[in-house]
C-alpha atoms as a PDB file:
ATOM      1  CA  UNK A   1       0.017  -0.315  -0.222  1.00  0.00           C
ATOM      2  CA  UNK A   2       2.617   2.510   0.997  1.00  0.00           C
ATOM      3  CA  UNK A   3       4.333   1.300  -2.690  1.00  0.00           C
ATOM      4  CA  UNK A   4       1.165   2.581  -4.524  1.00  0.00           C
ATOM      5  CA  UNK A   5       1.381   5.958  -2.810  1.00  0.00           C
ATOM      6  CA  UNK A   6       5.160   6.247  -3.446  1.00  0.00           C
ATOM      7  CA  UNK A   7       4.598   5.436  -7.303  1.00  0.00           C
ATOM      8  CA  UNK A   8       1.181   8.067  -7.223  1.00  0.00           C
ATOM      9  CA  UNK A   9       3.518  10.904  -5.108  1.00  0.00           C
ATOM     10  CA  UNK A  10       6.542  10.464  -7.589  1.00  0.00           C
ATOM     11  CA  UNK A  11       3.929  10.620 -11.114  1.00  0.00           C
ATOM     12  CA  UNK A  12       2.873  13.591  -9.655  1.00  0.00           C
ATOM     13  CA  UNK A  13       6.028  15.273  -8.883  1.00  0.00           C
ATOM     14  CA  UNK A  14       7.247  14.476 -12.057  1.00  0.00           C
ATOM     15  CA  UNK A  15       4.121  15.799 -13.488  1.00  0.00           C
ATOM     16  CA  UNK A  16       5.092  18.869 -11.774  1.00  0.00           C
ATOM     17  CA  UNK A  17       7.831  19.612 -12.784  1.00  0.00           C
ATOM     18  CA  UNK A  18       7.224  19.081 -16.708  1.00  0.00           C
ATOM     19  CA  UNK A  19       4.581  21.395 -16.036  1.00  0.00           C
ATOM     20  CA  UNK A  20       7.289  24.238 -14.874  1.00  0.00           C
ATOM     21  CA  UNK A  21       9.024  23.430 -17.981  1.00  0.00           C
ATOM     22  CA  UNK A  22       6.880  23.718 -20.274  1.00  0.00           C
ATOM     23  CA  UNK A  23       5.627  26.868 -18.690  1.00  0.00           C
ATOM     24  CA  UNK A  24       8.778  28.512 -17.325  1.00  0.00           C
ATOM     25  CA  UNK A  25      11.201  31.212 -19.426  1.00  0.00           C
ATOM     26  CA  UNK A  26      14.102  29.560 -18.212  1.00  0.00           C
ATOM     27  CA  UNK A  27      13.753  26.161 -19.670  1.00  0.00           C
ATOM     28  CA  UNK A  28      14.525  27.047 -23.270  1.00  0.00           C
ATOM     29  CA  UNK A  29      14.691  23.740 -24.547  1.00  0.00           C
ATOM     30  CA  UNK A  30      12.385  24.374 -27.984  1.00  0.00           C
ATOM     31  CA  UNK A  31       9.446  22.940 -29.415  1.00  0.00           C
ATOM     32  CA  UNK A  32      10.797  19.571 -29.280  1.00  0.00           C
ATOM     33  CA  UNK A  33      11.611  19.834 -25.617  1.00  0.00           C
ATOM     34  CA  UNK A  34       8.112  21.056 -24.902  1.00  0.00           C
ATOM     35  CA  UNK A  35       6.470  18.510 -26.683  1.00  0.00           C
ATOM     36  CA  UNK A  36       8.085  16.389 -24.537  1.00  0.00           C
ATOM     37  CA  UNK A  37       7.623  17.727 -21.717  1.00  0.00           C
ATOM     38  CA  UNK A  38       3.408  18.291 -22.385  1.00  0.00           C
ATOM     39  CA  UNK A  39       3.661  14.561 -23.356  1.00  0.00           C
ATOM     40  CA  UNK A  40       5.341  13.438 -19.761  1.00  0.00           C
ATOM     41  CA  UNK A  41       3.124  15.622 -17.904  1.00  0.00           C
ATOM     42  CA  UNK A  42       0.059  14.394 -19.071  1.00  0.00           C
ATOM     43  CA  UNK A  43       0.761  10.754 -18.512  1.00  0.00           C
ATOM     44  CA  UNK A  44       2.010  12.021 -15.104  1.00  0.00           C
ATOM     45  CA  UNK A  45      -1.291  13.305 -14.808  1.00  0.00           C
ATOM     46  CA  UNK A  46      -3.015  10.177 -16.125  1.00  0.00           C
ATOM     47  CA  UNK A  47      -1.316   7.876 -13.540  1.00  0.00           C
ATOM     48  CA  UNK A  48      -2.565   9.847 -10.725  1.00  0.00           C
ATOM     49  CA  UNK A  49      -6.146  10.890 -11.362  1.00  0.00           C
ATOM     50  CA  UNK A  50      -6.834   7.322 -12.865  1.00  0.00           C
ATOM     51  CA  UNK A  51      -9.388   5.471 -10.244  1.00  0.00           C
ATOM     52  CA  UNK A  52      -7.082   1.605  -9.805  1.00  0.00           C
ATOM     53  CA  UNK A  53      -5.864   0.478  -7.005  1.00  0.00           C
ATOM     54  CA  UNK A  54      -2.800  -1.343  -8.218  1.00  0.00           C
ATOM     55  CA  UNK A  55      -0.010   1.082  -9.500  1.00  0.00           C
ATOM     56  CA  UNK A  56       2.207  -1.188 -10.446  1.00  0.00           C
ATOM     57  CA  UNK A  57       0.398  -3.074 -13.647  1.00  0.00           C
ATOM     58  CA  UNK A  58       1.702  -1.398 -17.085  1.00  0.00           C
ATOM     59  CA  UNK A  59      -0.672   0.923 -18.262  1.00  0.00           C
ATOM     60  CA  UNK A  60      -0.460   3.038 -21.252  1.00  0.00           C
ATOM     61  CA  UNK A  61      -0.144   5.833 -19.076  1.00  0.00           C
ATOM     62  CA  UNK A  62       3.221   4.447 -17.235  1.00  0.00           C
ATOM     63  CA  UNK A  63       4.538   2.814 -20.249  1.00  0.00           C
ATOM     64  CA  UNK A  64       3.617   6.248 -22.223  1.00  0.00           C
ATOM     65  CA  UNK A  65       5.928   8.501 -19.316  1.00  0.00           C
ATOM     66  CA  UNK A  66       8.797   5.655 -19.214  1.00  0.00           C
ATOM     67  CA  UNK A  67       9.404   6.656 -22.634  1.00  0.00           C
ATOM     68  CA  UNK A  68       8.891  10.517 -22.997  1.00  0.00           C
ATOM     69  CA  UNK A  69      11.706  10.278 -20.001  1.00  0.00           C
ATOM     70  CA  UNK A  70      13.860   8.456 -22.023  1.00  0.00           C
ATOM     71  CA  UNK A  71      13.343  10.420 -24.847  1.00  0.00           C
ATOM     72  CA  UNK A  72      13.839  13.601 -22.973  1.00  0.00           C
ATOM     73  CA  UNK A  73      16.842  12.326 -21.148  1.00  0.00           C
ATOM     74  CA  UNK A  74      18.034  11.200 -24.300  1.00  0.00           C
ATOM     75  CA  UNK A  75      17.775  14.540 -25.922  1.00  0.00           C
ATOM     76  CA  UNK A  76      19.553  16.479 -22.834  1.00  0.00           C
ATOM     77  CA  UNK A  77      22.521  13.455 -23.770  1.00  0.00           C
ATOM     78  CA  UNK A  78      22.363  14.526 -27.422  1.00  0.00           C
ATOM     79  CA  UNK A  79      22.025  18.063 -26.431  1.00  0.00           C
ATOM     80  CA  UNK A  80      25.190  17.994 -24.326  1.00  0.00           C
ATOM     81  CA  UNK A  81      27.077  16.063 -26.082  1.00  0.00           C
ATOM     82  CA  UNK A  82      26.778  16.778 -29.836  1.00  0.00           C
ATOM     83  CA  UNK A  83      24.873  20.030 -30.292  1.00  0.00           C
ATOM     84  CA  UNK A  84      28.153  22.479 -29.644  1.00  0.00           C
ATOM     85  CA  UNK A  85      29.742  20.531 -32.661  1.00  0.00           C
ATOM     86  CA  UNK A  86      26.302  20.411 -34.943  1.00  0.00           C
ATOM     87  CA  UNK A  87      25.514  23.742 -34.398  1.00  0.00           C
ATOM     88  CA  UNK A  88      28.986  24.948 -35.632  1.00  0.00           C
ATOM     89  CA  UNK A  89      28.777  22.545 -38.236  1.00  0.00           C
ATOM     90  CA  UNK A  90      25.603  23.474 -39.498  1.00  0.00           C
ATOM     91  CA  UNK A  91      27.010  27.560 -39.468  1.00  0.00           C
ATOM     92  CA  UNK A  92      29.980  26.297 -41.881  1.00  0.00           C
ATOM     93  CA  UNK A  93      27.278  25.033 -43.856  1.00  0.00           C
ATOM     94  CA  UNK A  94      24.577  26.925 -44.797  1.00  0.00           C
ATOM     95  CA  UNK A  95      26.972  30.106 -43.706  1.00  0.00           C
ATOM     96  CA  UNK A  96      24.256  31.433 -42.118  1.00  0.00           C
ATOM     97  CA  UNK A  97      24.630  35.421 -40.844  1.00  0.00           C
ATOM     98  CA  UNK A  98      24.287  34.116 -36.550  1.00  0.00           C
ATOM     99  CA  UNK A  99      27.153  32.382 -36.765  1.00  0.00           C
ATOM    100  CA  UNK A 100      29.041  32.416 -33.801  1.00  0.00           C
ATOM    101  CA  UNK A 101      32.910  32.550 -35.116  1.00  0.00           C
ATOM    102  CA  UNK A 102      31.923  36.183 -36.457  1.00  0.00           C
ATOM    103  CA  UNK A 103      33.238  39.473 -35.180  1.00  0.00           C
ATOM    104  CA  UNK A 104      30.235  41.011 -33.794  1.00  0.00           C
ATOM    105  CA  UNK A 105      27.590  39.244 -34.852  1.00  0.00           C
ATOM    106  CA  UNK A 106      25.005  37.931 -32.447  1.00  0.00           C
ATOM    107  CA  UNK A 107      25.020  34.314 -31.215  1.00  0.00           C
ATOM    108  CA  UNK A 108      22.282  32.594 -31.383  1.00  0.00           C
ATOM    109  CA  UNK A 109      20.939  32.689 -28.489  1.00  0.00           C
ATOM    110  CA  UNK A 110      20.699  36.220 -28.375  1.00  0.00           C
ATOM    111  CA  UNK A 111      23.289  37.556 -26.547  1.00  0.00           C
ATOM    112  CA  UNK A 112      26.045  39.753 -28.318  1.00  0.00           C
ATOM    113  CA  UNK A 113      29.912  38.197 -28.018  1.00  0.00           C
ATOM    114  CA  UNK A 114      32.462  39.941 -27.395  1.00  0.00           C
END
């Protein structure tokens, strides 16, 4: 019985965290990140709202929560590991005006380089 409450509370905390990530201006994950957070939030709320007592059975909401958390983790890993090199390659290939290597040009984050 206590494990059922722990599972429900953890799904609620995950849903609240994902909702904060969607609504906060501090989280700048783009459209794909916001969609992933929305799926996480909705599946977390679905786990909390169901009326069944057994929280350990495999459900669509639980599977969706786990898959969306996995996608968020994979996206975070890609952004930390490979995105700087990918962005530099894109800037070189596309020869964009906002390339990070230019003098006195604005970077992609909107901040002025010194």
